[in-house]
N, C-alpha and C. Protein backbone atom coordinates (compact mmCIF):
# COMPACT_ATOMS: atom_id res chain seq x y z
N MET A 1 -41.30 79.09 -37.37
CA MET A 1 -42.15 79.50 -36.27
C MET A 1 -42.21 78.41 -35.20
N LEU A 2 -42.10 77.16 -35.62
CA LEU A 2 -42.15 76.04 -34.70
C LEU A 2 -40.98 76.12 -33.70
N ALA A 3 -39.77 76.40 -34.22
CA ALA A 3 -38.60 76.51 -33.35
C ALA A 3 -38.76 77.67 -32.38
N GLU A 4 -39.27 78.79 -32.86
CA GLU A 4 -39.47 79.95 -31.99
C GLU A 4 -40.44 79.61 -30.86
N ASN A 5 -41.53 78.96 -31.20
CA ASN A 5 -42.52 78.58 -30.18
C ASN A 5 -41.92 77.62 -29.15
N TYR A 6 -41.17 76.67 -29.64
CA TYR A 6 -40.53 75.70 -28.74
C TYR A 6 -39.57 76.42 -27.77
N HIS A 7 -38.68 77.25 -28.33
CA HIS A 7 -37.69 77.93 -27.49
C HIS A 7 -38.34 78.92 -26.53
N GLN A 8 -39.44 79.53 -26.95
CA GLN A 8 -40.17 80.43 -26.05
C GLN A 8 -40.76 79.65 -24.88
N LYS A 9 -41.32 78.49 -25.19
CA LYS A 9 -41.92 77.65 -24.14
C LYS A 9 -40.85 77.21 -23.13
N VAL A 10 -39.71 76.78 -23.64
CA VAL A 10 -38.63 76.35 -22.76
C VAL A 10 -38.14 77.51 -21.90
N LEU A 11 -38.00 78.68 -22.50
CA LEU A 11 -37.54 79.86 -21.75
C LEU A 11 -38.56 80.23 -20.66
N ASN A 12 -39.84 80.18 -21.01
CA ASN A 12 -40.88 80.47 -20.01
C ASN A 12 -40.79 79.51 -18.83
N GLU A 13 -40.57 78.24 -19.12
CA GLU A 13 -40.43 77.25 -18.05
C GLU A 13 -39.20 77.52 -17.20
N MET A 14 -38.13 77.98 -17.85
CA MET A 14 -36.91 78.30 -17.11
C MET A 14 -37.12 79.50 -16.19
N TRP A 15 -37.85 80.51 -16.67
CA TRP A 15 -38.12 81.69 -15.84
C TRP A 15 -38.92 81.30 -14.60
N GLU A 16 -39.82 80.34 -14.78
CA GLU A 16 -40.66 79.91 -13.66
C GLU A 16 -39.87 79.11 -12.63
N GLY A 17 -38.86 78.38 -13.07
CA GLY A 17 -38.05 77.59 -12.16
C GLY A 17 -36.98 78.45 -11.50
N SER A 18 -36.90 78.41 -10.21
CA SER A 18 -35.96 79.27 -9.50
C SER A 18 -34.55 78.72 -9.45
N SER A 19 -34.37 77.46 -9.76
CA SER A 19 -33.06 76.85 -9.63
C SER A 19 -32.29 76.75 -10.95
N VAL A 20 -32.73 77.45 -11.96
CA VAL A 20 -32.07 77.39 -13.26
C VAL A 20 -30.82 78.27 -13.22
N SER A 21 -29.71 77.72 -13.67
CA SER A 21 -28.46 78.48 -13.67
C SER A 21 -28.54 79.61 -14.70
N PRO A 22 -27.91 80.74 -14.39
CA PRO A 22 -27.90 81.85 -15.35
C PRO A 22 -27.28 81.45 -16.68
N ASP A 23 -26.31 80.56 -16.65
CA ASP A 23 -25.67 80.12 -17.90
C ASP A 23 -26.67 79.44 -18.83
N TRP A 24 -27.50 78.55 -18.27
CA TRP A 24 -28.49 77.86 -19.09
C TRP A 24 -29.56 78.84 -19.58
N LEU A 25 -29.92 79.77 -18.74
CA LEU A 25 -30.90 80.78 -19.11
C LEU A 25 -30.39 81.61 -20.29
N VAL A 26 -29.14 82.02 -20.22
CA VAL A 26 -28.52 82.80 -21.30
C VAL A 26 -28.48 82.01 -22.61
N ILE A 27 -28.13 80.74 -22.51
CA ILE A 27 -28.07 79.90 -23.72
C ILE A 27 -29.46 79.77 -24.34
N GLN A 28 -30.48 79.60 -23.51
CA GLN A 28 -31.83 79.48 -24.03
C GLN A 28 -32.31 80.81 -24.64
N MET A 29 -31.94 81.92 -24.02
CA MET A 29 -32.29 83.23 -24.58
C MET A 29 -31.63 83.40 -25.95
N ASN A 30 -30.40 82.92 -26.08
CA ASN A 30 -29.71 82.97 -27.36
C ASN A 30 -30.41 82.09 -28.40
N ASN A 31 -30.84 80.90 -27.98
CA ASN A 31 -31.56 80.01 -28.90
C ASN A 31 -32.85 80.66 -29.41
N LEU A 32 -33.59 81.27 -28.49
CA LEU A 32 -34.84 81.94 -28.89
C LEU A 32 -34.54 83.12 -29.80
N ALA A 33 -33.50 83.88 -29.49
CA ALA A 33 -33.12 85.02 -30.34
C ALA A 33 -32.77 84.56 -31.76
N SER A 34 -32.06 83.45 -31.85
CA SER A 34 -31.72 82.90 -33.18
C SER A 34 -32.98 82.57 -33.97
N ALA A 35 -33.93 81.93 -33.30
CA ALA A 35 -35.19 81.58 -33.97
C ALA A 35 -35.95 82.85 -34.38
N LYS A 36 -35.93 83.86 -33.54
CA LYS A 36 -36.61 85.12 -33.89
C LYS A 36 -35.94 85.79 -35.09
N ASN A 37 -34.62 85.74 -35.15
CA ASN A 37 -33.92 86.28 -36.32
C ASN A 37 -34.36 85.57 -37.60
N LEU A 38 -34.52 84.26 -37.52
CA LEU A 38 -34.95 83.50 -38.69
C LEU A 38 -36.37 83.86 -39.10
N ASN A 39 -37.17 84.33 -38.15
CA ASN A 39 -38.56 84.70 -38.41
C ASN A 39 -38.73 86.21 -38.60
N ASN A 40 -37.63 86.88 -38.94
CA ASN A 40 -37.66 88.34 -39.20
C ASN A 40 -38.17 89.15 -38.02
N LYS A 41 -37.79 88.74 -36.83
CA LYS A 41 -38.15 89.47 -35.61
C LYS A 41 -36.88 89.90 -34.88
N SER A 42 -36.01 90.55 -35.62
CA SER A 42 -34.70 90.90 -35.08
C SER A 42 -34.77 91.93 -33.96
N ASP A 43 -35.79 92.79 -33.97
CA ASP A 43 -35.95 93.72 -32.85
C ASP A 43 -36.16 92.96 -31.54
N GLU A 44 -36.99 91.93 -31.60
CA GLU A 44 -37.25 91.10 -30.42
C GLU A 44 -35.99 90.32 -30.03
N ALA A 45 -35.26 89.87 -31.03
CA ALA A 45 -34.02 89.13 -30.77
C ALA A 45 -33.02 90.04 -30.06
N ARG A 46 -32.93 91.28 -30.50
CA ARG A 46 -32.00 92.22 -29.87
C ARG A 46 -32.32 92.40 -28.37
N VAL A 47 -33.59 92.51 -28.04
CA VAL A 47 -34.00 92.68 -26.64
C VAL A 47 -33.54 91.47 -25.83
N LEU A 48 -33.79 90.28 -26.33
CA LEU A 48 -33.38 89.05 -25.62
C LEU A 48 -31.87 88.98 -25.43
N LEU A 49 -31.14 89.29 -26.48
CA LEU A 49 -29.68 89.20 -26.42
C LEU A 49 -29.09 90.26 -25.49
N THR A 50 -29.69 91.42 -25.47
CA THR A 50 -29.25 92.47 -24.55
C THR A 50 -29.50 92.04 -23.11
N GLN A 51 -30.65 91.44 -22.85
CA GLN A 51 -30.95 90.92 -21.51
C GLN A 51 -29.95 89.82 -21.13
N ALA A 52 -29.66 88.95 -22.08
CA ALA A 52 -28.71 87.85 -21.83
C ALA A 52 -27.33 88.42 -21.49
N TYR A 53 -26.92 89.42 -22.22
CA TYR A 53 -25.62 90.05 -21.97
C TYR A 53 -25.59 90.69 -20.59
N GLU A 54 -26.70 91.30 -20.20
CA GLU A 54 -26.79 91.91 -18.86
C GLU A 54 -26.70 90.85 -17.77
N ILE A 55 -27.32 89.71 -17.99
CA ILE A 55 -27.23 88.61 -17.02
C ILE A 55 -25.77 88.18 -16.86
N LEU A 56 -25.09 88.04 -17.99
CA LEU A 56 -23.68 87.64 -17.94
C LEU A 56 -22.82 88.68 -17.24
N SER A 57 -23.13 89.95 -17.46
CA SER A 57 -22.29 91.01 -16.88
C SER A 57 -22.50 91.15 -15.38
N THR A 58 -23.60 90.61 -14.83
CA THR A 58 -23.83 90.69 -13.39
C THR A 58 -23.21 89.51 -12.65
N LYS A 59 -22.76 88.50 -13.38
CA LYS A 59 -22.11 87.35 -12.75
C LYS A 59 -20.69 87.73 -12.35
N GLU A 60 -20.22 87.14 -11.26
CA GLU A 60 -18.84 87.41 -10.83
C GLU A 60 -17.85 86.95 -11.89
N GLN A 61 -18.07 85.78 -12.44
CA GLN A 61 -17.22 85.28 -13.51
C GLN A 61 -18.11 84.77 -14.63
N SER A 62 -17.86 85.30 -15.81
CA SER A 62 -18.62 84.84 -16.97
C SER A 62 -17.72 84.02 -17.86
N ASP A 63 -18.27 82.97 -18.39
CA ASP A 63 -17.55 82.11 -19.32
C ASP A 63 -17.42 82.85 -20.65
N ASP A 64 -16.18 82.97 -21.15
CA ASP A 64 -15.97 83.65 -22.43
C ASP A 64 -16.77 82.98 -23.55
N GLY A 65 -16.98 81.67 -23.44
CA GLY A 65 -17.77 80.97 -24.46
C GLY A 65 -19.19 81.48 -24.52
N ASP A 66 -19.78 81.77 -23.35
CA ASP A 66 -21.14 82.32 -23.31
C ASP A 66 -21.17 83.74 -23.87
N ILE A 67 -20.15 84.53 -23.52
CA ILE A 67 -20.10 85.91 -23.99
C ILE A 67 -19.99 85.96 -25.51
N VAL A 68 -19.10 85.14 -26.08
CA VAL A 68 -18.94 85.18 -27.54
C VAL A 68 -20.18 84.65 -28.25
N LEU A 69 -20.86 83.71 -27.63
CA LEU A 69 -22.10 83.21 -28.19
C LEU A 69 -23.10 84.35 -28.35
N ILE A 70 -23.25 85.14 -27.29
CA ILE A 70 -24.18 86.27 -27.32
C ILE A 70 -23.68 87.36 -28.26
N GLU A 71 -22.40 87.69 -28.19
CA GLU A 71 -21.85 88.74 -29.06
C GLU A 71 -22.00 88.40 -30.54
N SER A 72 -21.72 87.16 -30.89
CA SER A 72 -21.84 86.76 -32.30
C SER A 72 -23.28 86.87 -32.78
N ASN A 73 -24.21 86.40 -31.97
CA ASN A 73 -25.61 86.46 -32.35
C ASN A 73 -26.10 87.90 -32.37
N LEU A 74 -25.64 88.71 -31.43
CA LEU A 74 -26.02 90.12 -31.42
C LEU A 74 -25.44 90.84 -32.64
N ALA A 75 -24.23 90.48 -33.04
CA ALA A 75 -23.63 91.05 -34.25
C ALA A 75 -24.50 90.74 -35.47
N ARG A 76 -24.93 89.49 -35.58
CA ARG A 76 -25.80 89.08 -36.70
C ARG A 76 -27.14 89.82 -36.63
N THR A 77 -27.67 89.97 -35.42
CA THR A 77 -28.94 90.67 -35.24
C THR A 77 -28.82 92.11 -35.70
N GLU A 78 -27.75 92.78 -35.29
CA GLU A 78 -27.53 94.17 -35.70
C GLU A 78 -27.35 94.26 -37.21
N GLU A 79 -26.71 93.26 -37.79
CA GLU A 79 -26.56 93.23 -39.25
C GLU A 79 -27.93 93.14 -39.92
N LEU A 80 -28.78 92.26 -39.42
CA LEU A 80 -30.13 92.11 -39.98
C LEU A 80 -30.95 93.39 -39.83
N LEU A 81 -30.67 94.15 -38.76
CA LEU A 81 -31.36 95.42 -38.53
C LEU A 81 -30.69 96.58 -39.26
N GLU A 82 -29.68 96.24 -40.05
CA GLU A 82 -28.92 97.19 -40.87
C GLU A 82 -28.17 98.23 -40.04
N ASN A 83 -27.75 97.84 -38.84
CA ASN A 83 -26.88 98.66 -38.00
C ASN A 83 -25.45 98.14 -38.21
N TYR A 84 -24.90 98.45 -39.37
CA TYR A 84 -23.67 97.83 -39.82
C TYR A 84 -22.45 98.22 -38.98
N GLU A 85 -22.37 99.46 -38.53
CA GLU A 85 -21.23 99.86 -37.70
C GLU A 85 -21.20 99.06 -36.39
N ARG A 86 -22.35 99.01 -35.74
CA ARG A 86 -22.44 98.26 -34.47
C ARG A 86 -22.18 96.77 -34.72
N SER A 87 -22.70 96.26 -35.81
CA SER A 87 -22.49 94.86 -36.15
C SER A 87 -21.00 94.56 -36.31
N GLU A 88 -20.31 95.40 -37.04
CA GLU A 88 -18.87 95.17 -37.24
C GLU A 88 -18.12 95.20 -35.90
N LEU A 89 -18.44 96.16 -35.04
CA LEU A 89 -17.79 96.24 -33.73
C LEU A 89 -18.02 94.96 -32.92
N LEU A 90 -19.25 94.46 -32.95
CA LEU A 90 -19.56 93.23 -32.22
C LEU A 90 -18.87 92.01 -32.82
N TYR A 91 -18.83 91.92 -34.16
CA TYR A 91 -18.11 90.81 -34.79
C TYR A 91 -16.63 90.85 -34.40
N ARG A 92 -16.05 92.04 -34.39
CA ARG A 92 -14.63 92.17 -34.05
C ARG A 92 -14.38 91.81 -32.58
N SER A 93 -15.26 92.25 -31.70
CA SER A 93 -15.13 91.93 -30.29
C SER A 93 -15.23 90.42 -30.06
N SER A 94 -16.21 89.82 -30.70
CA SER A 94 -16.40 88.37 -30.59
C SER A 94 -15.19 87.62 -31.13
N LEU A 95 -14.68 88.06 -32.27
CA LEU A 95 -13.50 87.42 -32.87
C LEU A 95 -12.30 87.52 -31.93
N GLU A 96 -12.10 88.69 -31.36
CA GLU A 96 -10.97 88.88 -30.44
C GLU A 96 -11.06 87.92 -29.25
N ARG A 97 -12.26 87.78 -28.72
CA ARG A 97 -12.44 86.86 -27.58
C ARG A 97 -12.24 85.40 -28.02
N LYS A 98 -12.78 85.05 -29.18
CA LYS A 98 -12.67 83.66 -29.65
C LYS A 98 -11.22 83.26 -29.88
N LEU A 99 -10.43 84.20 -30.37
CA LEU A 99 -9.02 83.88 -30.63
C LEU A 99 -8.25 83.60 -29.35
N LYS A 100 -8.79 84.03 -28.22
CA LYS A 100 -8.15 83.77 -26.92
C LYS A 100 -8.60 82.46 -26.29
N ILE A 101 -9.63 81.85 -26.85
CA ILE A 101 -10.15 80.59 -26.32
C ILE A 101 -9.40 79.45 -27.01
N GLU A 102 -8.71 78.65 -26.21
CA GLU A 102 -7.85 77.59 -26.76
C GLU A 102 -8.57 76.63 -27.68
N ASP A 103 -9.76 76.22 -27.29
CA ASP A 103 -10.46 75.19 -28.06
C ASP A 103 -11.62 75.76 -28.89
N ALA A 104 -11.52 77.03 -29.28
CA ALA A 104 -12.58 77.63 -30.10
C ALA A 104 -12.64 76.91 -31.45
N ARG A 105 -13.84 76.59 -31.88
CA ARG A 105 -14.01 75.90 -33.15
C ARG A 105 -13.73 76.84 -34.32
N LEU A 106 -13.04 76.33 -35.30
CA LEU A 106 -12.68 77.14 -36.46
C LEU A 106 -13.91 77.71 -37.17
N SER A 107 -14.98 76.94 -37.22
CA SER A 107 -16.17 77.43 -37.92
C SER A 107 -16.78 78.62 -37.18
N PHE A 108 -16.65 78.67 -35.85
CA PHE A 108 -17.17 79.81 -35.09
C PHE A 108 -16.32 81.05 -35.34
N ILE A 109 -15.01 80.87 -35.41
CA ILE A 109 -14.11 81.98 -35.73
C ILE A 109 -14.39 82.46 -37.15
N ALA A 110 -14.57 81.52 -38.05
CA ALA A 110 -14.83 81.86 -39.46
C ALA A 110 -16.13 82.65 -39.60
N ALA A 111 -17.13 82.34 -38.78
CA ALA A 111 -18.40 83.08 -38.87
C ALA A 111 -18.18 84.56 -38.58
N ASP A 112 -17.34 84.87 -37.59
CA ASP A 112 -17.05 86.28 -37.30
C ASP A 112 -16.22 86.92 -38.40
N LEU A 113 -15.25 86.18 -38.92
CA LEU A 113 -14.46 86.71 -40.05
C LEU A 113 -15.36 87.02 -41.24
N ALA A 114 -16.30 86.12 -41.52
CA ALA A 114 -17.23 86.34 -42.64
C ALA A 114 -18.13 87.54 -42.36
N GLY A 115 -18.55 87.71 -41.11
CA GLY A 115 -19.37 88.86 -40.74
C GLY A 115 -18.62 90.16 -40.95
N ILE A 116 -17.37 90.20 -40.52
CA ILE A 116 -16.55 91.40 -40.73
C ILE A 116 -16.38 91.66 -42.21
N ALA A 117 -16.16 90.61 -42.98
CA ALA A 117 -16.01 90.77 -44.44
C ALA A 117 -17.26 91.38 -45.05
N ARG A 118 -18.44 90.93 -44.61
CA ARG A 118 -19.69 91.49 -45.15
C ARG A 118 -19.82 92.97 -44.80
N MET A 119 -19.45 93.32 -43.56
CA MET A 119 -19.56 94.72 -43.13
C MET A 119 -18.60 95.61 -43.91
N LEU A 120 -17.38 95.11 -44.15
CA LEU A 120 -16.41 95.88 -44.93
C LEU A 120 -16.86 96.02 -46.38
N ALA A 121 -17.45 94.97 -46.94
CA ALA A 121 -17.95 95.03 -48.32
C ALA A 121 -19.05 96.08 -48.44
N ARG A 122 -19.89 96.18 -47.42
CA ARG A 122 -20.95 97.18 -47.43
C ARG A 122 -20.40 98.60 -47.42
N LYS A 123 -19.19 98.75 -46.89
CA LYS A 123 -18.53 100.06 -46.86
C LYS A 123 -17.67 100.29 -48.11
N ASN A 124 -17.75 99.34 -49.05
CA ASN A 124 -16.93 99.36 -50.26
C ASN A 124 -15.44 99.30 -49.98
N LYS A 125 -15.05 98.68 -48.89
CA LYS A 125 -13.64 98.42 -48.59
C LYS A 125 -13.34 97.01 -49.08
N MET A 126 -13.36 96.88 -50.41
CA MET A 126 -13.35 95.56 -51.02
C MET A 126 -12.06 94.78 -50.81
N ASP A 127 -10.91 95.44 -50.84
CA ASP A 127 -9.65 94.72 -50.64
C ASP A 127 -9.57 94.16 -49.22
N GLU A 128 -9.92 94.98 -48.25
CA GLU A 128 -9.90 94.53 -46.86
C GLU A 128 -10.95 93.43 -46.64
N ALA A 129 -12.11 93.62 -47.24
CA ALA A 129 -13.17 92.61 -47.12
C ALA A 129 -12.72 91.28 -47.70
N MET A 130 -12.05 91.34 -48.83
CA MET A 130 -11.59 90.11 -49.48
C MET A 130 -10.59 89.37 -48.59
N GLY A 131 -9.74 90.11 -47.87
CA GLY A 131 -8.79 89.47 -46.96
C GLY A 131 -9.51 88.68 -45.87
N PHE A 132 -10.54 89.30 -45.27
CA PHE A 132 -11.31 88.60 -44.24
C PHE A 132 -12.09 87.43 -44.84
N HIS A 133 -12.62 87.65 -46.03
CA HIS A 133 -13.38 86.59 -46.71
C HIS A 133 -12.50 85.36 -46.96
N LEU A 134 -11.29 85.60 -47.45
CA LEU A 134 -10.41 84.47 -47.76
C LEU A 134 -10.00 83.72 -46.50
N LYS A 135 -9.78 84.45 -45.39
CA LYS A 135 -9.47 83.78 -44.13
C LYS A 135 -10.66 82.93 -43.67
N ALA A 136 -11.85 83.52 -43.77
CA ALA A 136 -13.06 82.78 -43.37
C ALA A 136 -13.26 81.55 -44.25
N LYS A 137 -13.09 81.74 -45.53
CA LYS A 137 -13.27 80.65 -46.49
C LYS A 137 -12.30 79.50 -46.17
N ASP A 138 -11.05 79.84 -45.87
CA ASP A 138 -10.05 78.83 -45.53
C ASP A 138 -10.43 78.10 -44.24
N MET A 139 -10.88 78.84 -43.24
CA MET A 139 -11.26 78.20 -41.97
C MET A 139 -12.49 77.32 -42.13
N TYR A 140 -13.46 77.79 -42.91
CA TYR A 140 -14.63 76.95 -43.17
C TYR A 140 -14.22 75.67 -43.89
N ALA A 141 -13.34 75.80 -44.85
CA ALA A 141 -12.89 74.63 -45.61
C ALA A 141 -12.20 73.62 -44.68
N LYS A 142 -11.38 74.13 -43.75
CA LYS A 142 -10.67 73.25 -42.82
C LYS A 142 -11.62 72.60 -41.82
N SER A 143 -12.58 73.37 -41.33
CA SER A 143 -13.43 72.83 -40.27
C SER A 143 -14.65 72.07 -40.79
N LEU A 144 -15.20 72.51 -41.90
CA LEU A 144 -16.43 71.90 -42.40
C LEU A 144 -16.22 71.04 -43.64
N GLY A 145 -15.17 71.34 -44.38
CA GLY A 145 -14.94 70.65 -45.65
C GLY A 145 -15.54 71.45 -46.79
N VAL A 146 -14.83 71.50 -47.90
CA VAL A 146 -15.27 72.33 -49.02
C VAL A 146 -16.56 71.84 -49.66
N ASN A 147 -16.95 70.62 -49.37
CA ASN A 147 -18.19 70.12 -49.94
C ASN A 147 -19.40 70.34 -49.03
N SER A 148 -19.16 70.93 -47.85
CA SER A 148 -20.28 71.13 -46.94
C SER A 148 -21.21 72.21 -47.47
N LEU A 149 -22.48 72.03 -47.22
CA LEU A 149 -23.49 72.98 -47.67
C LEU A 149 -23.29 74.34 -47.01
N GLN A 150 -22.93 74.35 -45.73
CA GLN A 150 -22.73 75.62 -45.02
C GLN A 150 -21.59 76.41 -45.64
N TRP A 151 -20.49 75.75 -45.95
CA TRP A 151 -19.34 76.42 -46.54
C TRP A 151 -19.73 77.00 -47.90
N GLN A 152 -20.38 76.22 -48.73
CA GLN A 152 -20.76 76.68 -50.06
C GLN A 152 -21.76 77.85 -49.97
N ARG A 153 -22.71 77.77 -49.03
CA ARG A 153 -23.69 78.84 -48.86
C ARG A 153 -23.02 80.15 -48.47
N ARG A 154 -22.09 80.08 -47.55
CA ARG A 154 -21.41 81.30 -47.09
C ARG A 154 -20.57 81.91 -48.20
N VAL A 155 -19.89 81.09 -48.97
CA VAL A 155 -19.09 81.60 -50.08
C VAL A 155 -19.98 82.30 -51.10
N LYS A 156 -21.11 81.69 -51.45
CA LYS A 156 -22.02 82.30 -52.42
C LYS A 156 -22.61 83.61 -51.90
N LEU A 157 -22.96 83.64 -50.62
CA LEU A 157 -23.51 84.86 -50.03
C LEU A 157 -22.51 86.00 -50.11
N PHE A 158 -21.27 85.73 -49.71
CA PHE A 158 -20.27 86.79 -49.73
C PHE A 158 -19.97 87.23 -51.15
N GLU A 159 -19.87 86.29 -52.06
CA GLU A 159 -19.59 86.66 -53.45
C GLU A 159 -20.71 87.51 -54.03
N ALA A 160 -21.95 87.22 -53.65
CA ALA A 160 -23.07 88.05 -54.11
C ALA A 160 -22.96 89.47 -53.54
N ILE A 161 -22.60 89.59 -52.28
CA ILE A 161 -22.42 90.92 -51.68
C ILE A 161 -21.27 91.65 -52.38
N MET A 162 -20.18 90.94 -52.61
CA MET A 162 -19.02 91.56 -53.28
C MET A 162 -19.42 92.06 -54.67
N ASN A 163 -20.18 91.25 -55.40
CA ASN A 163 -20.62 91.66 -56.73
C ASN A 163 -21.53 92.86 -56.68
N THR A 164 -22.46 92.87 -55.73
CA THR A 164 -23.40 93.99 -55.58
C THR A 164 -22.65 95.26 -55.20
N GLN A 165 -21.77 95.17 -54.21
CA GLN A 165 -21.02 96.34 -53.74
C GLN A 165 -20.06 96.82 -54.82
N GLY A 166 -19.43 95.88 -55.49
CA GLY A 166 -18.49 96.25 -56.56
C GLY A 166 -19.17 96.99 -57.70
N ASN A 167 -20.42 96.67 -57.97
CA ASN A 167 -21.18 97.34 -59.02
C ASN A 167 -21.69 98.71 -58.59
N ASN A 168 -21.65 98.98 -57.28
CA ASN A 168 -22.14 100.26 -56.77
C ASN A 168 -21.04 101.31 -56.67
N LYS A 169 -19.85 100.99 -57.10
CA LYS A 169 -18.74 101.94 -57.01
C LYS A 169 -18.93 103.11 -57.94
């Protein structure tokens, strides 16, 4: 709740200031949406991310990095709201854009691959899900290291989903 309050305060200050760039505003909206997702307020996060996406779409030129930031977070938000079809579409769109960015971080690409894997597992498309999972796992290992807490957490989460979905066949 502390992070949410902080990001809300910063966003409010940005709205009041007339000279704030739309790019910074969008990033702050994304930060607040992330905090809201952590606090089980995904409906509110969706509103913020939709507004952020609209801001980006009204700019003459939008940075692909900003767009993928919003798309990835919106994909996660839709997943938390159990809108799995929309979530998968957003993860795929974000992944497609990230693969075109020369200096995209492997861990960011892996996050979308892992998201797609979770969505496919929910549809009981286990073989396809496993393919995405293994790609994500490899990218996380390369970018974060196999001993990183984030890598281990993501592997355990996916394996739990795979076990749950596999038992529901």
